[in-house]
Protein backbone atom coordinates (compact mmCIF):
# COMPACT_ATOMS: atom_id res chain seq x y z
CA MET A 1 -29.08 -7.06 -32.80
CA ARG A 2 -27.66 -5.14 -35.71
CA VAL A 3 -26.01 -1.82 -35.18
CA GLY A 4 -25.72 0.51 -38.11
CA LEU A 5 -22.57 2.34 -39.12
CA ARG A 6 -24.13 5.67 -38.22
CA THR A 7 -24.96 4.45 -34.67
CA LEU A 8 -21.47 3.02 -34.24
CA THR A 9 -19.93 6.32 -35.36
CA ARG A 10 -22.05 8.24 -32.84
CA MET A 11 -21.12 5.84 -30.04
CA LEU A 12 -17.43 6.12 -30.90
CA GLY A 13 -17.69 9.92 -31.01
CA SER A 14 -19.36 9.96 -27.58
CA LEU A 15 -16.69 7.67 -26.19
CA LEU A 16 -13.89 9.86 -27.55
CA ALA A 17 -15.55 12.98 -26.15
CA ALA A 18 -15.85 11.37 -22.70
CA ALA A 19 -12.17 10.31 -22.84
CA ALA A 20 -11.16 13.87 -23.77
CA VAL A 21 -13.14 15.32 -20.84
CA LEU A 22 -11.56 12.80 -18.47
CA LEU A 23 -8.10 13.67 -19.77
CA VAL A 24 -8.74 17.39 -19.16
CA ILE A 25 -10.01 16.72 -15.62
CA VAL A 26 -7.00 14.54 -14.76
CA SER A 27 -4.55 17.13 -16.12
CA VAL A 28 -6.18 20.03 -14.22
CA ILE A 29 -6.46 18.39 -10.80
CA PRO A 30 -3.03 18.36 -9.16
CA PRO A 31 -1.93 15.08 -7.62
CA ARG A 32 -2.09 14.83 -3.83
CA VAL A 33 1.32 15.19 -2.28
CA ASN A 34 2.33 13.82 1.10
CA PRO A 35 3.76 16.97 2.75
CA VAL A 36 5.82 15.03 5.29
CA GLY A 37 7.38 12.88 2.56
CA LEU A 38 8.05 15.92 0.38
CA THR A 39 9.64 17.77 3.30
CA ARG A 40 11.89 14.79 4.08
CA HIS A 41 12.89 14.76 0.41
CA ILE A 42 13.72 18.49 0.54
CA ILE A 43 15.88 17.98 3.64
CA GLU A 44 17.67 15.01 2.02
CA GLU A 45 18.36 17.05 -1.13
CA CYS A 46 19.83 19.83 1.03
CA ASN A 47 21.97 17.29 2.90
CA ASP A 48 23.19 15.87 -0.42
CA ARG A 49 24.35 19.32 -1.57
CA GLU A 50 26.00 20.36 1.72
CA THR A 51 29.60 19.88 0.55
CA GLU A 52 29.03 21.66 -2.75
CA ILE A 53 27.37 24.62 -1.05
CA ARG A 54 30.08 24.94 1.62
CA GLU A 55 32.74 24.97 -1.13
CA ARG A 56 30.83 27.64 -3.07
CA ILE A 57 30.58 29.77 0.08
CA MET A 58 34.35 29.51 0.58
CA ARG A 59 34.90 30.58 -3.06
CA SER A 60 32.51 33.52 -2.46
CA ASN A 61 30.09 32.21 -5.09
CA LEU A 62 27.26 32.12 -2.52
CA PRO A 63 26.29 34.36 0.42
CA PRO A 64 28.13 33.56 3.68
CA ARG A 65 24.86 33.11 5.60
CA ILE A 66 24.27 29.37 5.31
CA ASP A 67 20.45 29.39 4.93
CA LEU A 68 20.66 32.03 2.19
CA ALA A 69 23.40 30.08 0.43
CA PHE A 70 21.13 27.02 0.19
CA GLY A 71 18.23 29.21 -0.99
CA VAL A 72 20.32 30.83 -3.73
CA ALA A 73 21.77 27.48 -4.83
CA PHE A 74 18.33 25.86 -5.16
CA LYS A 75 16.81 28.94 -6.81
CA GLU A 76 19.53 28.75 -9.48
CA THR A 77 18.73 25.14 -10.31
CA ASN A 78 14.94 25.57 -10.67
CA TYR A 79 14.55 22.19 -8.96
CA LYS A 80 10.85 21.41 -9.43
CA GLU A 81 10.05 19.97 -5.98
CA ILE A 82 12.12 22.46 -3.98
CA LYS A 83 10.61 25.91 -3.70
CA THR A 84 12.35 29.02 -2.42
CA SER A 85 10.93 32.20 -0.99
CA VAL A 86 10.68 35.19 -3.30
CA GLY A 87 12.81 38.28 -3.00
CA SER A 88 16.50 39.05 -2.82
CA ASP A 89 17.09 36.67 0.11
CA PRO A 90 15.63 33.31 -1.01
CA LEU A 91 15.22 30.59 1.60
CA VAL A 92 14.46 26.91 0.98
CA LEU A 93 10.80 26.21 1.85
CA ASP A 94 9.23 23.04 3.23
CA ALA A 95 5.98 21.55 1.90
CA TRP A 96 3.92 24.01 4.01
CA GLY A 97 5.78 27.06 2.68
CA HIS A 98 7.82 27.62 5.87
CA PRO A 99 11.58 28.24 5.66
CA VAL A 100 13.64 25.13 6.36
CA ASN A 101 16.01 25.49 9.32
CA ILE A 102 19.58 25.29 8.04
CA VAL A 103 22.12 25.90 10.81
CA ALA A 104 25.85 25.32 11.20
CA ARG A 105 26.49 22.77 13.95
CA THR A 106 28.53 25.39 15.85
CA ASN A 107 25.46 27.67 16.03
CA LEU A 108 23.06 25.10 17.50
CA PRO A 109 21.67 25.79 20.99
CA GLU A 110 23.04 23.83 23.94
CA GLY A 111 21.02 21.85 26.47
CA ASP A 112 17.58 20.28 26.28
CA LEU A 113 16.25 22.76 23.74
CA LEU A 114 17.74 20.63 20.93
CA ALA A 115 16.12 17.23 20.24
CA ASN A 116 18.35 14.15 20.34
CA SER A 117 17.51 13.46 16.69
CA LEU A 118 19.26 16.73 15.74
CA ARG A 119 22.06 16.42 18.28
CA ALA A 120 22.93 12.95 16.93
CA LYS A 121 23.50 14.19 13.38
CA THR A 122 27.14 14.21 12.31
CA ASN A 123 26.91 16.76 9.50
CA SER A 124 28.55 20.14 9.93
CA ILE A 125 25.28 21.70 8.74
CA ILE A 126 22.06 20.57 10.47
CA ILE A 127 18.79 20.79 8.51
CA TRP A 128 15.22 20.29 9.72
CA SER A 129 11.69 21.57 9.12
CA SER A 130 9.49 23.33 11.66
CA GLY A 131 6.64 21.11 10.45
CA PRO A 132 3.02 22.02 9.73
CA ASN A 133 2.70 24.48 12.63
CA GLY A 134 5.68 26.52 11.38
CA VAL A 135 7.14 26.87 14.89
CA ASN A 136 10.80 25.91 15.29
CA GLU A 137 10.78 23.45 18.18
CA TYR A 138 14.39 22.35 17.49
CA GLY A 139 13.39 18.83 16.45
CA HIS A 140 10.64 18.40 19.07
CA GLY A 141 6.86 18.58 18.53
CA ASP A 142 5.82 18.34 14.89
CA ASP A 143 9.27 19.29 13.54
CA ILE A 144 10.55 17.01 10.79
CA VAL A 145 14.06 15.62 10.86
CA ALA A 146 15.03 13.44 7.92
CA GLU A 147 16.86 10.41 9.18
CA PRO A 148 19.74 9.26 7.03
CA TYR A 149 19.11 6.15 5.05
CA TYR A 150 21.73 3.47 4.79
CA THR A 151 22.31 0.96 2.03
CA ARG A 152 23.77 -2.44 2.65
CA PRO A 153 27.09 -2.97 0.82
CA THR A 154 26.97 -5.32 -2.14
CA GLN A 155 29.19 -8.41 -2.30
CA GLY A 156 31.96 -6.63 -4.19
CA ASP A 157 32.23 -3.78 -1.65
CA SER A 158 35.02 -3.91 0.90
CA LYS A 159 33.02 -2.15 3.64
């Protein structure tokens, strides 16, 4: 079977047009995001910046209210994955658009209200998400608490 140059050109043009349409479709449809994974990432990023934010509060570079300080700090950085609420008092938001709970350890409730997963944390600032239902259950129910991850020391490490 012989294919002429004109037929080949048409076929190539059709193929390029189909590839262009596919490229447009792929670029318009946002990728699916795992909201639990994203929320854990947000909490871990907040935990990683705890020391910096506490120091900035002490230097009066951030508001004294701890949840607002985190919101202002992340709003300044324009960190792509971490959204903040709009307005003059920005708060860090989880994947469902609910404010993340950011509380000084000294302000945590006593007794059974607080889940063991939050009570066991050693940070001076405790951070968790109220989960998909948006109700703060203090680490119970569908609340999301990011567990710390540990790395095994390499051979050259003394610890």
